[in-house]
Amino acid sequence: MREAGPGRRGPLRHPAAAPLAVLAAGAAGAAYLYRTDPHESGHLLPGCPFRLLTGLLCPACGGTRMTYDLMHGQFTAAWLDNRALLLAAPFALLLLARWMLEGLRGRSWRPEVGPRAQALILGLAVVWTVARNIRG
């Protein structure tokens, strides 16, 4: 087997390797989730560690149920499971698509998130967490 020399990349160093691995893991998880109702007990899906420790809902609580509901065409139930994640999901999918596209073109891509955007995202997560825990 030849070593990757200067200017050469091994197959795991290719810019598309990481997004393809994320896509494969996501597809495997989605296949399991499609057949496993997270609204019922007795499955291998992990619980939320934040909720286990605090009894409070984290910003992502309900995301698994939301995904299950979306895959089964239950849009109202998905909305009730986690509104914030449902609204953020298209942006996350666009970022994954861009990462995949750039990787397939042989280019590394890392989104730049400035300090203001980071503060906004963190602030929205905190507000959503407080709002959903006050509401009960």
N, C-alpha and C. Protein backbone atom coordinates (compact mmCIF):
# COMPACT_ATOMS: atom_id res chain seq x y z
N MET A 1 0.83 -1.18 0.00
CA MET A 1 0.00 0.00 0.00
C MET A 1 0.88 1.24 0.00
N ARG A 2 0.57 2.18 -0.87
CA ARG A 2 1.38 3.39 -0.95
C ARG A 2 0.95 4.39 0.10
N GLU A 3 1.92 5.05 0.65
CA GLU A 3 1.66 6.13 1.59
C GLU A 3 1.23 7.36 0.81
N ALA A 4 0.41 8.16 1.41
CA ALA A 4 0.01 9.42 0.78
C ALA A 4 1.16 10.41 0.97
N GLY A 5 1.75 10.82 -0.10
CA GLY A 5 2.86 11.76 -0.04
C GLY A 5 2.36 13.19 -0.06
N PRO A 6 3.30 14.14 -0.16
CA PRO A 6 2.89 15.54 -0.21
C PRO A 6 1.97 15.78 -1.41
N GLY A 7 0.88 16.47 -1.16
CA GLY A 7 -0.06 16.76 -2.24
C GLY A 7 -1.06 15.65 -2.48
N ARG A 8 -0.89 14.50 -1.81
CA ARG A 8 -1.82 13.38 -1.94
C ARG A 8 -2.61 13.22 -0.65
N ARG A 9 -3.82 12.77 -0.80
CA ARG A 9 -4.66 12.52 0.37
C ARG A 9 -5.04 11.06 0.39
N GLY A 10 -5.08 10.49 1.60
CA GLY A 10 -5.64 9.16 1.75
C GLY A 10 -7.15 9.27 1.67
N PRO A 11 -7.85 8.15 1.52
CA PRO A 11 -9.30 8.20 1.36
C PRO A 11 -10.02 8.80 2.57
N LEU A 12 -9.45 8.66 3.77
CA LEU A 12 -10.09 9.23 4.95
C LEU A 12 -9.75 10.70 5.15
N ARG A 13 -8.82 11.22 4.38
CA ARG A 13 -8.46 12.63 4.48
C ARG A 13 -9.15 13.45 3.40
N HIS A 14 -9.90 12.81 2.53
CA HIS A 14 -10.60 13.53 1.48
C HIS A 14 -11.66 14.43 2.11
N PRO A 15 -11.84 15.63 1.59
CA PRO A 15 -12.82 16.56 2.19
C PRO A 15 -14.26 16.03 2.21
N ALA A 16 -14.57 15.04 1.40
CA ALA A 16 -15.93 14.49 1.40
C ALA A 16 -16.10 13.38 2.43
N ALA A 17 -15.02 12.89 3.05
CA ALA A 17 -15.11 11.76 3.96
C ALA A 17 -15.99 12.07 5.17
N ALA A 18 -15.76 13.20 5.81
CA ALA A 18 -16.54 13.53 7.02
C ALA A 18 -18.02 13.76 6.70
N PRO A 19 -18.37 14.58 5.70
CA PRO A 19 -19.80 14.75 5.45
C PRO A 19 -20.48 13.45 4.99
N LEU A 20 -19.76 12.60 4.27
CA LEU A 20 -20.34 11.32 3.87
C LEU A 20 -20.56 10.43 5.09
N ALA A 21 -19.63 10.46 6.04
CA ALA A 21 -19.79 9.68 7.27
C ALA A 21 -20.98 10.19 8.08
N VAL A 22 -21.13 11.51 8.17
CA VAL A 22 -22.27 12.09 8.89
C VAL A 22 -23.57 11.69 8.20
N LEU A 23 -23.58 11.75 6.87
CA LEU A 23 -24.78 11.37 6.12
C LEU A 23 -25.12 9.89 6.33
N ALA A 24 -24.11 9.02 6.31
CA ALA A 24 -24.33 7.59 6.51
C ALA A 24 -24.86 7.31 7.92
N ALA A 25 -24.26 7.95 8.91
CA ALA A 25 -24.73 7.76 10.29
C ALA A 25 -26.15 8.29 10.46
N GLY A 26 -26.44 9.43 9.85
CA GLY A 26 -27.79 9.98 9.91
C GLY A 26 -28.81 9.08 9.24
N ALA A 27 -28.44 8.49 8.11
CA ALA A 27 -29.35 7.58 7.40
C ALA A 27 -29.60 6.32 8.23
N ALA A 28 -28.56 5.80 8.88
CA ALA A 28 -28.73 4.61 9.73
C ALA A 28 -29.62 4.94 10.92
N GLY A 29 -29.39 6.10 11.52
CA GLY A 29 -30.23 6.52 12.64
C GLY A 29 -31.67 6.74 12.22
N ALA A 30 -31.86 7.35 11.05
CA ALA A 30 -33.21 7.59 10.54
C ALA A 30 -33.93 6.28 10.24
N ALA A 31 -33.21 5.29 9.71
CA ALA A 31 -33.81 3.99 9.41
C ALA A 31 -34.29 3.32 10.70
N TYR A 32 -33.46 3.39 11.75
CA TYR A 32 -33.88 2.83 13.04
C TYR A 32 -35.06 3.60 13.61
N LEU A 33 -34.97 4.92 13.57
CA LEU A 33 -36.02 5.76 14.13
C LEU A 33 -37.35 5.58 13.40
N TYR A 34 -37.29 5.36 12.10
CA TYR A 34 -38.52 5.21 11.32
C TYR A 34 -39.36 4.04 11.84
N ARG A 35 -38.67 2.99 12.30
CA ARG A 35 -39.36 1.79 12.77
C ARG A 35 -39.56 1.77 14.28
N THR A 36 -39.07 2.78 15.00
CA THR A 36 -39.12 2.81 16.45
C THR A 36 -39.85 4.08 16.90
N ASP A 37 -40.99 3.93 17.51
CA ASP A 37 -41.77 5.09 17.94
C ASP A 37 -41.20 5.63 19.26
N PRO A 38 -40.58 6.82 19.24
CA PRO A 38 -40.01 7.36 20.48
C PRO A 38 -41.08 7.83 21.47
N HIS A 39 -42.34 7.88 21.04
CA HIS A 39 -43.42 8.23 21.94
C HIS A 39 -43.75 7.07 22.88
N GLU A 40 -43.29 5.87 22.53
CA GLU A 40 -43.53 4.66 23.32
C GLU A 40 -42.24 4.26 24.04
N SER A 41 -42.37 3.52 25.12
CA SER A 41 -41.17 3.04 25.84
C SER A 41 -40.70 1.72 25.22
N GLY A 42 -39.53 1.26 25.66
CA GLY A 42 -39.02 -0.03 25.22
C GLY A 42 -38.17 0.03 23.97
N HIS A 43 -37.48 1.12 23.72
CA HIS A 43 -36.60 1.24 22.56
C HIS A 43 -35.19 1.56 23.02
N LEU A 44 -34.25 1.58 22.09
CA LEU A 44 -32.85 1.83 22.43
C LEU A 44 -32.45 3.29 22.29
N LEU A 45 -33.41 4.19 22.19
CA LEU A 45 -33.10 5.60 22.03
C LEU A 45 -32.70 6.20 23.38
N PRO A 46 -31.61 6.95 23.42
CA PRO A 46 -31.16 7.52 24.70
C PRO A 46 -32.06 8.67 25.14
N GLY A 47 -32.14 8.85 26.44
CA GLY A 47 -32.87 9.98 26.99
C GLY A 47 -31.97 11.20 27.06
N CYS A 48 -32.55 12.33 27.36
CA CYS A 48 -31.80 13.58 27.46
C CYS A 48 -31.07 13.64 28.80
N PRO A 49 -29.74 13.76 28.79
CA PRO A 49 -29.01 13.82 30.06
C PRO A 49 -29.34 15.08 30.86
N PHE A 50 -29.59 16.21 30.19
CA PHE A 50 -29.96 17.45 30.88
C PHE A 50 -31.27 17.26 31.63
N ARG A 51 -32.24 16.65 30.97
CA ARG A 51 -33.53 16.42 31.61
C ARG A 51 -33.41 15.41 32.74
N LEU A 52 -32.58 14.40 32.55
CA LEU A 52 -32.36 13.39 33.59
C LEU A 52 -31.79 14.04 34.86
N LEU A 53 -30.84 14.98 34.68
CA LEU A 53 -30.19 15.61 35.83
C LEU A 53 -31.02 16.73 36.46
N THR A 54 -31.75 17.49 35.63
CA THR A 54 -32.44 18.68 36.15
C THR A 54 -33.96 18.56 36.19
N GLY A 55 -34.51 17.66 35.40
CA GLY A 55 -35.96 17.58 35.28
C GLY A 55 -36.54 18.62 34.33
N LEU A 56 -35.67 19.42 33.73
CA LEU A 56 -36.10 20.48 32.81
C LEU A 56 -35.88 20.05 31.36
N LEU A 57 -36.63 20.67 30.46
CA LEU A 57 -36.45 20.42 29.03
C LEU A 57 -35.29 21.26 28.52
N CYS A 58 -34.40 20.65 27.74
CA CYS A 58 -33.32 21.39 27.10
C CYS A 58 -33.83 21.92 25.76
N PRO A 59 -33.04 22.74 25.06
CA PRO A 59 -33.52 23.26 23.77
C PRO A 59 -33.80 22.18 22.73
N ALA A 60 -33.16 21.03 22.86
CA ALA A 60 -33.33 19.97 21.87
C ALA A 60 -34.32 18.89 22.29
N CYS A 61 -34.82 18.94 23.52
CA CYS A 61 -35.77 17.91 23.97
C CYS A 61 -36.97 17.87 23.02
N GLY A 62 -37.34 16.68 22.63
CA GLY A 62 -38.43 16.49 21.69
C GLY A 62 -37.96 16.38 20.26
N GLY A 63 -36.67 16.56 20.02
CA GLY A 63 -36.13 16.50 18.67
C GLY A 63 -36.26 15.13 18.03
N THR A 64 -36.09 14.08 18.81
CA THR A 64 -36.22 12.73 18.27
C THR A 64 -37.68 12.46 17.90
N ARG A 65 -38.58 12.83 18.81
CA ARG A 65 -40.01 12.66 18.51
C ARG A 65 -40.42 13.51 17.31
N MET A 66 -39.88 14.73 17.23
CA MET A 66 -40.18 15.61 16.10
C MET A 66 -39.75 14.98 14.78
N THR A 67 -38.56 14.41 14.76
CA THR A 67 -38.05 13.77 13.55
C THR A 67 -38.91 12.57 13.16
N TYR A 68 -39.27 11.77 14.14
CA TYR A 68 -40.15 10.62 13.89
C TYR A 68 -41.47 11.10 13.29
N ASP A 69 -42.05 12.12 13.91
CA ASP A 69 -43.33 12.63 13.42
C ASP A 69 -43.21 13.18 12.00
N LEU A 70 -42.13 13.87 11.70
CA LEU A 70 -41.92 14.39 10.34
C LEU A 70 -41.82 13.25 9.33
N MET A 71 -41.08 12.20 9.70
CA MET A 71 -40.93 11.06 8.79
C MET A 71 -42.25 10.34 8.53
N HIS A 72 -43.20 10.51 9.42
CA HIS A 72 -44.50 9.86 9.27
C HIS A 72 -45.59 10.84 8.86
N GLY A 73 -45.19 12.04 8.41
CA GLY A 73 -46.14 13.01 7.89
C GLY A 73 -47.02 13.67 8.93
N GLN A 74 -46.63 13.63 10.18
CA GLN A 74 -47.41 14.22 11.27
C GLN A 74 -46.84 15.59 11.63
N PHE A 75 -47.13 16.58 10.80
CA PHE A 75 -46.51 17.90 10.92
C PHE A 75 -46.97 18.65 12.17
N THR A 76 -48.23 18.52 12.54
CA THR A 76 -48.72 19.19 13.75
C THR A 76 -48.05 18.62 14.99
N ALA A 77 -47.92 17.31 15.04
CA ALA A 77 -47.25 16.68 16.18
C ALA A 77 -45.78 17.10 16.23
N ALA A 78 -45.13 17.20 15.08
CA ALA A 78 -43.73 17.64 15.04
C ALA A 78 -43.61 19.06 15.58
N TRP A 79 -44.54 19.92 15.21
CA TRP A 79 -44.54 21.30 15.70
C TRP A 79 -44.68 21.33 17.22
N LEU A 80 -45.52 20.49 17.75
CA LEU A 80 -45.73 20.45 19.20
C LEU A 80 -44.55 19.84 19.94
N ASP A 81 -43.81 18.95 19.29
CA ASP A 81 -42.66 18.31 19.93
C ASP A 81 -41.52 19.31 20.17
N ASN A 82 -41.17 20.10 19.16
CA ASN A 82 -40.09 21.09 19.33
C ASN A 82 -40.14 22.10 18.18
N ARG A 83 -40.77 23.22 18.43
CA ARG A 83 -40.94 24.25 17.41
C ARG A 83 -39.60 24.83 16.94
N ALA A 84 -38.71 25.08 17.89
CA ALA A 84 -37.43 25.72 17.55
C ALA A 84 -36.60 24.82 16.62
N LEU A 85 -36.52 23.54 16.95
CA LEU A 85 -35.75 22.63 16.09
C LEU A 85 -36.40 22.47 14.73
N LEU A 86 -37.72 22.47 14.71
CA LEU A 86 -38.42 22.34 13.43
C LEU A 86 -38.11 23.54 12.53
N LEU A 87 -38.05 24.73 13.11
CA LEU A 87 -37.73 25.93 12.33
C LEU A 87 -36.25 25.98 11.95
N ALA A 88 -35.38 25.40 12.78
CA ALA A 88 -33.94 25.42 12.51
C ALA A 88 -33.49 24.31 11.56
N ALA A 89 -34.28 23.25 11.44
CA ALA A 89 -33.89 22.08 10.66
C ALA A 89 -33.54 22.40 9.20
N PRO A 90 -34.30 23.23 8.50
CA PRO A 90 -33.91 23.52 7.11
C PRO A 90 -32.53 24.17 7.00
N PHE A 91 -32.18 25.02 7.95
CA PHE A 91 -30.86 25.66 7.93
C PHE A 91 -29.76 24.63 8.17
N ALA A 92 -30.00 23.72 9.09
CA ALA A 92 -29.02 22.66 9.35
C ALA A 92 -28.84 21.77 8.12
N LEU A 93 -29.94 21.46 7.45
CA LEU A 93 -29.85 20.64 6.24
C LEU A 93 -29.12 21.37 5.12
N LEU A 94 -29.33 22.67 5.02
CA LEU A 94 -28.59 23.46 4.01
C LEU A 94 -27.09 23.47 4.31
N LEU A 95 -26.73 23.59 5.58
CA LEU A 95 -25.31 23.54 5.95
C LEU A 95 -24.70 22.18 5.62
N LEU A 96 -25.44 21.10 5.91
CA LEU A 96 -24.95 19.76 5.58
C LEU A 96 -24.81 19.60 4.07
N ALA A 97 -25.77 20.10 3.31
CA ALA A 97 -25.70 20.00 1.84
C ALA A 97 -24.50 20.77 1.31
N ARG A 98 -24.25 21.95 1.84
CA ARG A 98 -23.10 22.76 1.39
C ARG A 98 -21.79 22.05 1.72
N TRP A 99 -21.71 21.50 2.94
CA TRP A 99 -20.51 20.78 3.37
C TRP A 99 -20.27 19.59 2.45
N MET A 100 -21.33 18.87 2.12
CA MET A 100 -21.23 17.71 1.23
C MET A 100 -20.79 18.14 -0.17
N LEU A 101 -21.42 19.17 -0.70
CA LEU A 101 -21.09 19.64 -2.04
C LEU A 101 -19.64 20.09 -2.14
N GLU A 102 -19.20 20.86 -1.18
CA GLU A 102 -17.79 21.31 -1.19
C GLU A 102 -16.84 20.12 -1.06
N GLY A 103 -17.19 19.16 -0.21
CA GLY A 103 -16.35 17.97 -0.05
C GLY A 103 -16.25 17.17 -1.33
N LEU A 104 -17.38 17.02 -2.02
CA LEU A 104 -17.38 16.27 -3.28
C LEU A 104 -16.59 17.01 -4.36
N ARG A 105 -16.49 18.31 -4.24
CA ARG A 105 -15.67 19.10 -5.17
C ARG A 105 -14.19 19.08 -4.77
N GLY A 106 -13.88 18.40 -3.66
CA GLY A 106 -12.48 18.28 -3.23
C GLY A 106 -12.01 19.45 -2.38
N ARG A 107 -12.95 20.25 -1.88
CA ARG A 107 -12.59 21.41 -1.07
C ARG A 107 -13.10 21.24 0.35
N SER A 108 -12.27 21.62 1.30
CA SER A 108 -12.71 21.65 2.69
C SER A 108 -13.57 22.88 2.89
N TRP A 109 -14.59 22.76 3.73
CA TRP A 109 -15.46 23.90 4.00
C TRP A 109 -15.83 23.90 5.47
N ARG A 110 -15.68 25.04 6.06
CA ARG A 110 -16.03 25.22 7.46
C ARG A 110 -16.77 26.54 7.57
N PRO A 111 -18.04 26.50 7.99
CA PRO A 111 -18.79 27.76 8.06
C PRO A 111 -18.20 28.70 9.10
N GLU A 112 -18.20 29.96 8.77
CA GLU A 112 -17.71 30.99 9.69
C GLU A 112 -18.92 31.57 10.42
N VAL A 113 -18.94 31.43 11.72
CA VAL A 113 -20.01 31.99 12.52
C VAL A 113 -19.39 33.05 13.42
N GLY A 114 -19.76 34.29 13.15
CA GLY A 114 -19.20 35.41 13.91
C GLY A 114 -19.72 35.47 15.33
N PRO A 115 -19.09 36.31 16.14
CA PRO A 115 -19.49 36.42 17.55
C PRO A 115 -20.95 36.86 17.74
N ARG A 116 -21.43 37.75 16.89
CA ARG A 116 -22.83 38.18 17.00
C ARG A 116 -23.80 37.04 16.71
N ALA A 117 -23.50 36.27 15.67
CA ALA A 117 -24.35 35.13 15.33
C ALA A 117 -24.30 34.08 16.44
N GLN A 118 -23.14 33.85 17.01
CA GLN A 118 -23.01 32.90 18.12
C GLN A 118 -23.85 33.37 19.31
N ALA A 119 -23.76 34.66 19.63
CA ALA A 119 -24.54 35.21 20.74
C ALA A 119 -26.04 35.11 20.46
N LEU A 120 -26.44 35.35 19.22
CA LEU A 120 -27.85 35.25 18.85
C LEU A 120 -28.35 33.81 19.01
N ILE A 121 -27.58 32.86 18.51
CA ILE A 121 -27.97 31.45 18.61
C ILE A 121 -28.07 31.03 20.08
N LEU A 122 -27.08 31.39 20.87
CA LEU A 122 -27.09 31.05 22.29
C LEU A 122 -28.27 31.72 22.99
N GLY A 123 -28.51 32.97 22.67
CA GLY A 123 -29.63 33.70 23.27
C GLY A 123 -30.97 33.07 22.93
N LEU A 124 -31.15 32.69 21.66
CA LEU A 124 -32.40 32.04 21.25
C LEU A 124 -32.57 30.70 21.96
N ALA A 125 -31.48 29.95 22.12
CA ALA A 125 -31.56 28.66 22.82
C ALA A 125 -31.96 28.86 24.29
N VAL A 126 -31.40 29.88 24.93
CA VAL A 126 -31.74 30.15 26.34
C VAL A 126 -33.19 30.59 26.46
N VAL A 127 -33.62 31.51 25.58
CA VAL A 127 -35.02 31.97 25.62
C VAL A 127 -35.98 30.81 25.38
N TRP A 128 -35.67 29.96 24.41
CA TRP A 128 -36.52 28.80 24.11
C TRP A 128 -36.57 27.86 25.31
N THR A 129 -35.43 27.62 25.95
CA THR A 129 -35.40 26.73 27.11
C THR A 129 -36.25 27.29 28.24
N VAL A 130 -36.08 28.56 28.52
CA VAL A 130 -36.86 29.18 29.61
C VAL A 130 -38.35 29.16 29.26
N ALA A 131 -38.70 29.54 28.05
CA ALA A 131 -40.10 29.61 27.65
C ALA A 131 -40.78 28.26 27.72
N ARG A 132 -40.13 27.22 27.27
CA ARG A 132 -40.79 25.91 27.26
C ARG A 132 -40.86 25.30 28.64
N ASN A 133 -39.99 25.73 29.56
CA ASN A 133 -40.06 25.21 30.93
C ASN A 133 -41.03 26.00 31.79
N ILE A 134 -41.23 27.27 31.49
CA ILE A 134 -42.22 28.08 32.21
C ILE A 134 -43.62 27.64 31.81
N ARG A 135 -43.78 27.42 30.52
CA ARG A 135 -45.09 27.04 29.98
C ARG A 135 -45.59 25.75 30.59
N GLY A 136 -44.66 24.85 30.90
CA GLY A 136 -45.03 23.58 31.51
C GLY A 136 -45.54 22.63 30.52
